[in-house]
Amino acid sequence: MRTIGMHMTRRRQGYSTQTRSGAPESHQIRSYAELQKQLHNDLLVQHPEWIDSDGSCPTCDEYDRRLAQIISMFEAAHQHA
């Protein structure tokens, strides 16, 4: 069964993914790498029109790049604190 149409909401313990059927799928995000992977996968599910015929997703890659920049800024600020 394929899930179509998901959105994520931030909660204290992690992220809850909500399907259009209303059934929540909760999971704990434990690292930035997991967060990046989850966001990438969610973008692919939410925006299949962004996927090229060869399976690549340049728009998703740009989101991944921007998120990596933001994460590195937070990590650098945390190390200097």
PDB file of N, CA and C in Angstrom:
ATOM      1  N   MET A   1       0.845  -1.184   0.000  1.00  0.00           N
ATOM      2  CA  MET A   1       0.000   0.000   0.000  1.00  0.00           C
ATOM      3  C   MET A   1       0.885   1.239   0.000  1.00  0.00           C
ATOM      4  N   ARG A   2       0.657   2.142  -0.907  1.00  0.00           N
ATOM      5  CA  ARG A   2       1.447   3.352  -1.038  1.00  0.00           C
ATOM      6  C   ARG A   2       0.742   4.502  -0.334  1.00  0.00           C
ATOM      7  N   THR A   3       1.492   5.241   0.464  1.00  0.00           N
ATOM      8  CA  THR A   3       0.931   6.397   1.151  1.00  0.00           C
ATOM      9  C   THR A   3       1.134   7.625   0.271  1.00  0.00           C
ATOM     10  N   ILE A   4       0.072   8.352   0.043  1.00  0.00           N
ATOM     11  CA  ILE A   4       0.139   9.567  -0.774  1.00  0.00           C
ATOM     12  C   ILE A   4      -0.316  10.731   0.082  1.00  0.00           C
ATOM     13  N   GLY A   5       0.446  11.794   0.030  1.00  0.00           N
ATOM     14  CA  GLY A   5       0.076  13.006   0.734  1.00  0.00           C
ATOM     15  C   GLY A   5       0.377  12.934   2.213  1.00  0.00           C
ATOM     16  N   MET A   6       1.543  13.377   2.599  1.00  0.00           N
ATOM     17  CA  MET A   6       1.939  13.363   3.997  1.00  0.00           C
ATOM     18  C   MET A   6       2.412  14.750   4.394  1.00  0.00           C
ATOM     19  N   HIS A   7       2.288  15.089   5.669  1.00  0.00           N
ATOM     20  CA  HIS A   7       2.906  16.302   6.182  1.00  0.00           C
ATOM     21  C   HIS A   7       3.473  16.000   7.554  1.00  0.00           C
ATOM     22  N   MET A   8       4.463  16.791   7.947  1.00  0.00           N
ATOM     23  CA  MET A   8       5.128  16.557   9.217  1.00  0.00           C
ATOM     24  C   MET A   8       4.838  17.697  10.165  1.00  0.00           C
ATOM     25  N   THR A   9       4.678  17.362  11.441  1.00  0.00           N
ATOM     26  CA  THR A   9       4.522  18.362  12.474  1.00  0.00           C
ATOM     27  C   THR A   9       5.573  18.122  13.533  1.00  0.00           C
ATOM     28  N   ARG A  10       6.141  19.186  14.059  1.00  0.00           N
ATOM     29  CA  ARG A  10       7.193  19.078  15.074  1.00  0.00           C
ATOM     30  C   ARG A  10       6.561  18.813  16.424  1.00  0.00           C
ATOM     31  N   ARG A  11       7.086  17.863  17.139  1.00  0.00           N
ATOM     32  CA  ARG A  11       6.661  17.552  18.498  1.00  0.00           C
ATOM     33  C   ARG A  11       7.887  17.470  19.376  1.00  0.00           C
ATOM     34  N   ARG A  12       7.700  17.457  20.692  1.00  0.00           N
ATOM     35  CA  ARG A  12       8.833  17.405  21.614  1.00  0.00           C
ATOM     36  C   ARG A  12       9.694  16.171  21.428  1.00  0.00           C
ATOM     37  N   GLN A  13       9.101  15.007  21.251  1.00  0.00           N
ATOM     38  CA  GLN A  13       9.866  13.775  21.165  1.00  0.00           C
ATOM     39  C   GLN A  13      10.360  13.464  19.761  1.00  0.00           C
ATOM     40  N   GLY A  14       9.917  14.129  18.744  1.00  0.00           N
ATOM     41  CA  GLY A  14      10.343  13.821  17.385  1.00  0.00           C
ATOM     42  C   GLY A  14       9.359  14.388  16.390  1.00  0.00           C
ATOM     43  N   TYR A  15       9.273  13.747  15.252  1.00  0.00           N
ATOM     44  CA  TYR A  15       8.355  14.190  14.218  1.00  0.00           C
ATOM     45  C   TYR A  15       7.229  13.201  14.077  1.00  0.00           C
ATOM     46  N   SER A  16       6.054  13.713  13.813  1.00  0.00           N
ATOM     47  CA  SER A  16       4.905  12.869  13.549  1.00  0.00           C
ATOM     48  C   SER A  16       4.511  13.097  12.101  1.00  0.00           C
ATOM     49  N   THR A  17       4.496  12.055  11.322  1.00  0.00           N
ATOM     50  CA  THR A  17       4.093  12.151   9.934  1.00  0.00           C
ATOM     51  C   THR A  17       2.623  11.793   9.849  1.00  0.00           C
ATOM     52  N   GLN A  18       1.851  12.649   9.231  1.00  0.00           N
ATOM     53  CA  GLN A  18       0.404  12.459   9.153  1.00  0.00           C
ATOM     54  C   GLN A  18       0.043  12.133   7.709  1.00  0.00           C
ATOM     55  N   THR A  19      -0.661  11.040   7.493  1.00  0.00           N
ATOM     56  CA  THR A  19      -1.116  10.695   6.163  1.00  0.00           C
ATOM     57  C   THR A  19      -2.452  11.365   5.910  1.00  0.00           C
ATOM     58  N   ARG A  20      -2.873  11.405   4.678  1.00  0.00           N
ATOM     59  CA  ARG A  20      -4.171  12.006   4.356  1.00  0.00           C
ATOM     60  C   ARG A  20      -5.310  11.252   5.013  1.00  0.00           C
ATOM     61  N   SER A  21      -5.096   9.968   5.281  1.00  0.00           N
ATOM     62  CA  SER A  21      -6.148   9.194   5.941  1.00  0.00           C
ATOM     63  C   SER A  21      -6.272   9.578   7.405  1.00  0.00           C
ATOM     64  N   GLY A  22      -5.306  10.383   7.905  1.00  0.00           N
ATOM     65  CA  GLY A  22      -5.361  10.835   9.280  1.00  0.00           C
ATOM     66  C   GLY A  22      -4.623   9.944  10.253  1.00  0.00           C
ATOM     67  N   ALA A  23      -4.031   8.863   9.766  1.00  0.00           N
ATOM     68  CA  ALA A  23      -3.306   7.946  10.648  1.00  0.00           C
ATOM     69  C   ALA A  23      -1.884   8.460  10.865  1.00  0.00           C
ATOM     70  N   PRO A  24      -1.542   8.850  12.106  1.00  0.00           N
ATOM     71  CA  PRO A  24      -0.194   9.357  12.350  1.00  0.00           C
ATOM     72  C   PRO A  24       0.832   8.232  12.351  1.00  0.00           C
ATOM     73  N   GLU A  25       2.024   8.549  11.865  1.00  0.00           N
ATOM     74  CA  GLU A  25       3.151   7.633  11.895  1.00  0.00           C
ATOM     75  C   GLU A  25       4.271   8.353  12.646  1.00  0.00           C
ATOM     76  N   SER A  26       4.467   8.052  13.921  1.00  0.00           N
ATOM     77  CA  SER A  26       5.461   8.745  14.736  1.00  0.00           C
ATOM     78  C   SER A  26       6.776   7.991  14.733  1.00  0.00           C
ATOM     79  N   HIS A  27       7.863   8.725  14.750  1.00  0.00           N
ATOM     80  CA  HIS A  27       9.185   8.145  14.864  1.00  0.00           C
ATOM     81  C   HIS A  27      10.125   9.187  15.435  1.00  0.00           C
ATOM     82  N   GLN A  28      11.134   8.726  16.111  1.00  0.00           N
ATOM     83  CA  GLN A  28      12.107   9.603  16.759  1.00  0.00           C
ATOM     84  C   GLN A  28      13.243   9.908  15.785  1.00  0.00           C
ATOM     85  N   ILE A  29      13.532  11.171  15.575  1.00  0.00           N
ATOM     86  CA  ILE A  29      14.675  11.591  14.779  1.00  0.00           C
ATOM     87  C   ILE A  29      15.832  11.785  15.748  1.00  0.00           C
ATOM     88  N   ARG A  30      16.921  11.041  15.554  1.00  0.00           N
ATOM     89  CA  ARG A  30      18.017  11.053  16.517  1.00  0.00           C
ATOM     90  C   ARG A  30      19.260  11.780  16.032  1.00  0.00           C
ATOM     91  N   SER A  31      19.331  12.108  14.766  1.00  0.00           N
ATOM     92  CA  SER A  31      20.528  12.774  14.255  1.00  0.00           C
ATOM     93  C   SER A  31      20.159  13.682  13.088  1.00  0.00           C
ATOM     94  N   TYR A  32      21.077  14.584  12.745  1.00  0.00           N
ATOM     95  CA  TYR A  32      20.851  15.448  11.590  1.00  0.00           C
ATOM     96  C   TYR A  32      20.769  14.617  10.316  1.00  0.00           C
ATOM     97  N   ALA A  33      21.559  13.548  10.223  1.00  0.00           N
ATOM     98  CA  ALA A  33      21.521  12.689   9.034  1.00  0.00           C
ATOM     99  C   ALA A  33      20.137  12.060   8.871  1.00  0.00           C
ATOM    100  N   GLU A  34      19.551  11.589   9.966  1.00  0.00           N
ATOM    101  CA  GLU A  34      18.200  11.020   9.909  1.00  0.00           C
ATOM    102  C   GLU A  34      17.184  12.086   9.503  1.00  0.00           C
ATOM    103  N   LEU A  35      17.341  13.290  10.047  1.00  0.00           N
ATOM    104  CA  LEU A  35      16.442  14.389   9.710  1.00  0.00           C
ATOM    105  C   LEU A  35      16.528  14.700   8.219  1.00  0.00           C
ATOM    106  N   GLN A  36      17.752  14.801   7.685  1.00  0.00           N
ATOM    107  CA  GLN A  36      17.931  15.082   6.265  1.00  0.00           C
ATOM    108  C   GLN A  36      17.288  14.001   5.402  1.00  0.00           C
ATOM    109  N   LYS A  37      17.491  12.746   5.774  1.00  0.00           N
ATOM    110  CA  LYS A  37      16.926  11.641   5.000  1.00  0.00           C
ATOM    111  C   LYS A  37      15.397  11.674   5.046  1.00  0.00           C
ATOM    112  N   GLN A  38      14.842  11.909   6.231  1.00  0.00           N
ATOM    113  CA  GLN A  38      13.381  11.951   6.372  1.00  0.00           C
ATOM    114  C   GLN A  38      12.789  13.098   5.558  1.00  0.00           C
ATOM    115  N   LEU A  39      13.394  14.276   5.636  1.00  0.00           N
ATOM    116  CA  LEU A  39      12.892  15.417   4.872  1.00  0.00           C
ATOM    117  C   LEU A  39      12.982  15.156   3.373  1.00  0.00           C
ATOM    118  N   HIS A  40      14.091  14.552   2.932  1.00  0.00           N
ATOM    119  CA  HIS A  40      14.263  14.229   1.513  1.00  0.00           C
ATOM    120  C   HIS A  40      13.158  13.263   1.057  1.00  0.00           C
ATOM    121  N   ASN A  41      12.950  12.207   1.829  1.00  0.00           N
ATOM    122  CA  ASN A  41      11.918  11.225   1.484  1.00  0.00           C
ATOM    123  C   ASN A  41      10.535  11.853   1.478  1.00  0.00           C
ATOM    124  N   ASP A  42      10.258  12.715   2.452  1.00  0.00           N
ATOM    125  CA  ASP A  42       8.951  13.380   2.508  1.00  0.00           C
ATOM    126  C   ASP A  42       8.741  14.303   1.313  1.00  0.00           C
ATOM    127  N   LEU A  43       9.796  14.997   0.879  1.00  0.00           N
ATOM    128  CA  LEU A  43       9.676  15.846  -0.310  1.00  0.00           C
ATOM    129  C   LEU A  43       9.349  15.015  -1.541  1.00  0.00           C
ATOM    130  N   LEU A  44       9.983  13.851  -1.669  1.00  0.00           N
ATOM    131  CA  LEU A  44       9.708  12.986  -2.816  1.00  0.00           C
ATOM    132  C   LEU A  44       8.256  12.514  -2.818  1.00  0.00           C
ATOM    133  N   VAL A  45       7.726  12.196  -1.632  1.00  0.00           N
ATOM    134  CA  VAL A  45       6.336  11.741  -1.526  1.00  0.00           C
ATOM    135  C   VAL A  45       5.377  12.890  -1.824  1.00  0.00           C
ATOM    136  N   GLN A  46       5.674  14.069  -1.272  1.00  0.00           N
ATOM    137  CA  GLN A  46       4.771  15.206  -1.413  1.00  0.00           C
ATOM    138  C   GLN A  46       4.821  15.847  -2.797  1.00  0.00           C
ATOM    139  N   HIS A  47       5.961  15.698  -3.486  1.00  0.00           N
ATOM    140  CA  HIS A  47       6.134  16.374  -4.780  1.00  0.00           C
ATOM    141  C   HIS A  47       6.680  15.429  -5.840  1.00  0.00           C
ATOM    142  N   PRO A  48       5.910  14.438  -6.244  1.00  0.00           N
ATOM    143  CA  PRO A  48       6.399  13.520  -7.284  1.00  0.00           C
ATOM    144  C   PRO A  48       6.671  14.234  -8.612  1.00  0.00           C
ATOM    145  N   GLU A  49       6.056  15.386  -8.802  1.00  0.00           N
ATOM    146  CA  GLU A  49       6.278  16.142 -10.039  1.00  0.00           C
ATOM    147  C   GLU A  49       7.700  16.703 -10.121  1.00  0.00           C
ATOM    148  N   TRP A  50       8.428  16.730  -9.018  1.00  0.00           N
ATOM    149  CA  TRP A  50       9.808  17.218  -9.003  1.00  0.00           C
ATOM    150  C   TRP A  50      10.798  16.155  -9.480  1.00  0.00           C
ATOM    151  N   ILE A  51      10.373  14.913  -9.569  1.00  0.00           N
ATOM    152  CA  ILE A  51      11.273  13.811  -9.913  1.00  0.00           C
ATOM    153  C   ILE A  51      11.412  13.730 -11.429  1.00  0.00           C
ATOM    154  N   ASP A  52      12.660  13.773 -11.902  1.00  0.00           N
ATOM    155  CA  ASP A  52      12.941  13.678 -13.334  1.00  0.00           C
ATOM    156  C   ASP A  52      12.761  12.244 -13.815  1.00  0.00           C
ATOM    157  N   SER A  53      12.712  12.082 -15.121  1.00  0.00           N
ATOM    158  CA  SER A  53      12.504  10.756 -15.711  1.00  0.00           C
ATOM    159  C   SER A  53      13.625   9.776 -15.358  1.00  0.00           C
ATOM    160  N   ASP A  54      14.827  10.286 -15.060  1.00  0.00           N
ATOM    161  CA  ASP A  54      15.940   9.402 -14.690  1.00  0.00           C
ATOM    162  C   ASP A  54      15.965   9.100 -13.185  1.00  0.00           C
ATOM    163  N   GLY A  55      14.965   9.606 -12.438  1.00  0.00           N
ATOM    164  CA  GLY A  55      14.866   9.329 -11.009  1.00  0.00           C
ATOM    165  C   GLY A  55      15.537  10.369 -10.130  1.00  0.00           C
ATOM    166  N   SER A  56      16.234  11.316 -10.726  1.00  0.00           N
ATOM    167  CA  SER A  56      16.881  12.362  -9.925  1.00  0.00           C
ATOM    168  C   SER A  56      15.857  13.429  -9.548  1.00  0.00           C
ATOM    169  N   CYS A  57      16.212  14.208  -8.537  1.00  0.00           N
ATOM    170  CA  CYS A  57      15.322  15.271  -8.076  1.00  0.00           C
ATOM    171  C   CYS A  57      16.164  16.509  -7.763  1.00  0.00           C
ATOM    172  N   PRO A  58      16.447  17.337  -8.760  1.00  0.00           N
ATOM    173  CA  PRO A  58      17.280  18.527  -8.543  1.00  0.00           C
ATOM    174  C   PRO A  58      16.722  19.473  -7.478  1.00  0.00           C
ATOM    175  N   THR A  59      15.410  19.619  -7.407  1.00  0.00           N
ATOM    176  CA  THR A  59      14.820  20.488  -6.395  1.00  0.00           C
ATOM    177  C   THR A  59      15.075  19.927  -5.005  1.00  0.00           C
ATOM    178  N   CYS A  60      14.913  18.614  -4.840  1.00  0.00           N
ATOM    179  CA  CYS A  60      15.202  17.975  -3.553  1.00  0.00           C
ATOM    180  C   CYS A  60      16.677  18.129  -3.206  1.00  0.00           C
ATOM    181  N   ASP A  61      17.546  18.000  -4.195  1.00  0.00           N
ATOM    182  CA  ASP A  61      18.987  18.162  -3.965  1.00  0.00           C
ATOM    183  C   ASP A  61      19.304  19.568  -3.465  1.00  0.00           C
ATOM    184  N   GLU A  62      18.602  20.559  -4.000  1.00  0.00           N
ATOM    185  CA  GLU A  62      18.806  21.942  -3.555  1.00  0.00           C
ATOM    186  C   GLU A  62      18.332  22.116  -2.114  1.00  0.00           C
ATOM    187  N   TYR A  63      17.182  21.534  -1.779  1.00  0.00           N
ATOM    188  CA  TYR A  63      16.714  21.572  -0.389  1.00  0.00           C
ATOM    189  C   TYR A  63      17.723  20.884   0.529  1.00  0.00           C
ATOM    190  N   ASP A  64      18.250  19.737   0.099  1.00  0.00           N
ATOM    191  CA  ASP A  64      19.254  19.018   0.888  1.00  0.00           C
ATOM    192  C   ASP A  64      20.487  19.889   1.129  1.00  0.00           C
ATOM    193  N   ARG A  65      20.944  20.574   0.073  1.00  0.00           N
ATOM    194  CA  ARG A  65      22.124  21.433   0.171  1.00  0.00           C
ATOM    195  C   ARG A  65      21.879  22.577   1.150  1.00  0.00           C
ATOM    196  N   ARG A  66      20.717  23.210   1.052  1.00  0.00           N
ATOM    197  CA  ARG A  66      20.405  24.328   1.945  1.00  0.00           C
ATOM    198  C   ARG A  66      20.268  23.867   3.392  1.00  0.00           C
ATOM    199  N   LEU A  67      19.647  22.716   3.610  1.00  0.00           N
ATOM    200  CA  LEU A  67      19.531  22.183   4.964  1.00  0.00           C
ATOM    201  C   LEU A  67      20.908  21.862   5.538  1.00  0.00           C
ATOM    202  N   ALA A  68      21.796  21.292   4.725  1.00  0.00           N
ATOM    203  CA  ALA A  68      23.152  20.982   5.185  1.00  0.00           C
ATOM    204  C   ALA A  68      23.882  22.258   5.607  1.00  0.00           C
ATOM    205  N   GLN A  69      23.685  23.349   4.869  1.00  0.00           N
ATOM    206  CA  GLN A  69      24.300  24.628   5.235  1.00  0.00           C
ATOM    207  C   GLN A  69      23.777  25.114   6.580  1.00  0.00           C
ATOM    208  N   ILE A  70      22.485  25.029   6.778  1.00  0.00           N
ATOM    209  CA  ILE A  70      21.884  25.483   8.043  1.00  0.00           C
ATOM    210  C   ILE A  70      22.376  24.626   9.201  1.00  0.00           C
ATOM    211  N   ILE A  71      22.417  23.321   9.001  1.00  0.00           N
ATOM    212  CA  ILE A  71      22.898  22.422  10.053  1.00  0.00           C
ATOM    213  C   ILE A  71      24.345  22.735  10.406  1.00  0.00           C
ATOM    214  N   SER A  72      25.189  22.974   9.408  1.00  0.00           N
ATOM    215  CA  SER A  72      26.595  23.279   9.699  1.00  0.00           C
ATOM    216  C   SER A  72      26.738  24.595  10.449  1.00  0.00           C
ATOM    217  N   MET A  73      25.864  25.560  10.182  1.00  0.00           N
ATOM    218  CA  MET A  73      25.895  26.820  10.934  1.00  0.00           C
ATOM    219  C   MET A  73      25.541  26.578  12.397  1.00  0.00           C
ATOM    220  N   PHE A  74      24.511  25.769  12.646  1.00  0.00           N
ATOM    221  CA  PHE A  74      24.122  25.449  14.023  1.00  0.00           C
ATOM    222  C   PHE A  74      25.224  24.670  14.738  1.00  0.00           C
ATOM    223  N   GLU A  75      25.843  23.722  14.040  1.00  0.00           N
ATOM    224  CA  GLU A  75      26.920  22.945  14.656  1.00  0.00           C
ATOM    225  C   GLU A  75      28.107  23.844  15.002  1.00  0.00           C
ATOM    226  N   ALA A  76      28.454  24.759  14.106  1.00  0.00           N
ATOM    227  CA  ALA A  76      29.569  25.675  14.354  1.00  0.00           C
ATOM    228  C   ALA A  76      29.261  26.592  15.534  1.00  0.00           C
ATOM    229  N   ALA A  77      28.036  27.100  15.601  1.00  0.00           N
ATOM    230  CA  ALA A  77      27.651  27.974  16.712  1.00  0.00           C
ATOM    231  C   ALA A  77      27.665  27.200  18.021  1.00  0.00           C
ATOM    232  N   HIS A  78      27.243  25.951  17.995  1.00  0.00           N
ATOM    233  CA  HIS A  78      27.218  25.122  19.196  1.00  0.00           C
ATOM    234  C   HIS A  78      28.642  24.825  19.680  1.00  0.00           C
ATOM    235  N   GLN A  79      29.566  24.609  18.760  1.00  0.00           N
ATOM    236  CA  GLN A  79      30.956  24.329  19.129  1.00  0.00           C
ATOM    237  C   GLN A  79      31.637  25.546  19.735  1.00  0.00           C
ATOM    238  N   HIS A  80      31.236  26.738  19.303  1.00  0.00           N
ATOM    239  CA  HIS A  80      31.856  27.957  19.806  1.00  0.00           C
ATOM    240  C   HIS A  80      31.202  28.463  21.089  1.00  0.00           C
ATOM    241  N   ALA A  81      30.100  27.879  21.451  1.00  0.00           N
ATOM    242  CA  ALA A  81      29.371  28.331  22.657  1.00  0.00           C
ATOM    243  C   ALA A  81      29.983  27.779  23.927  1.00  0.00           C
TER     244      ALA A  81
END
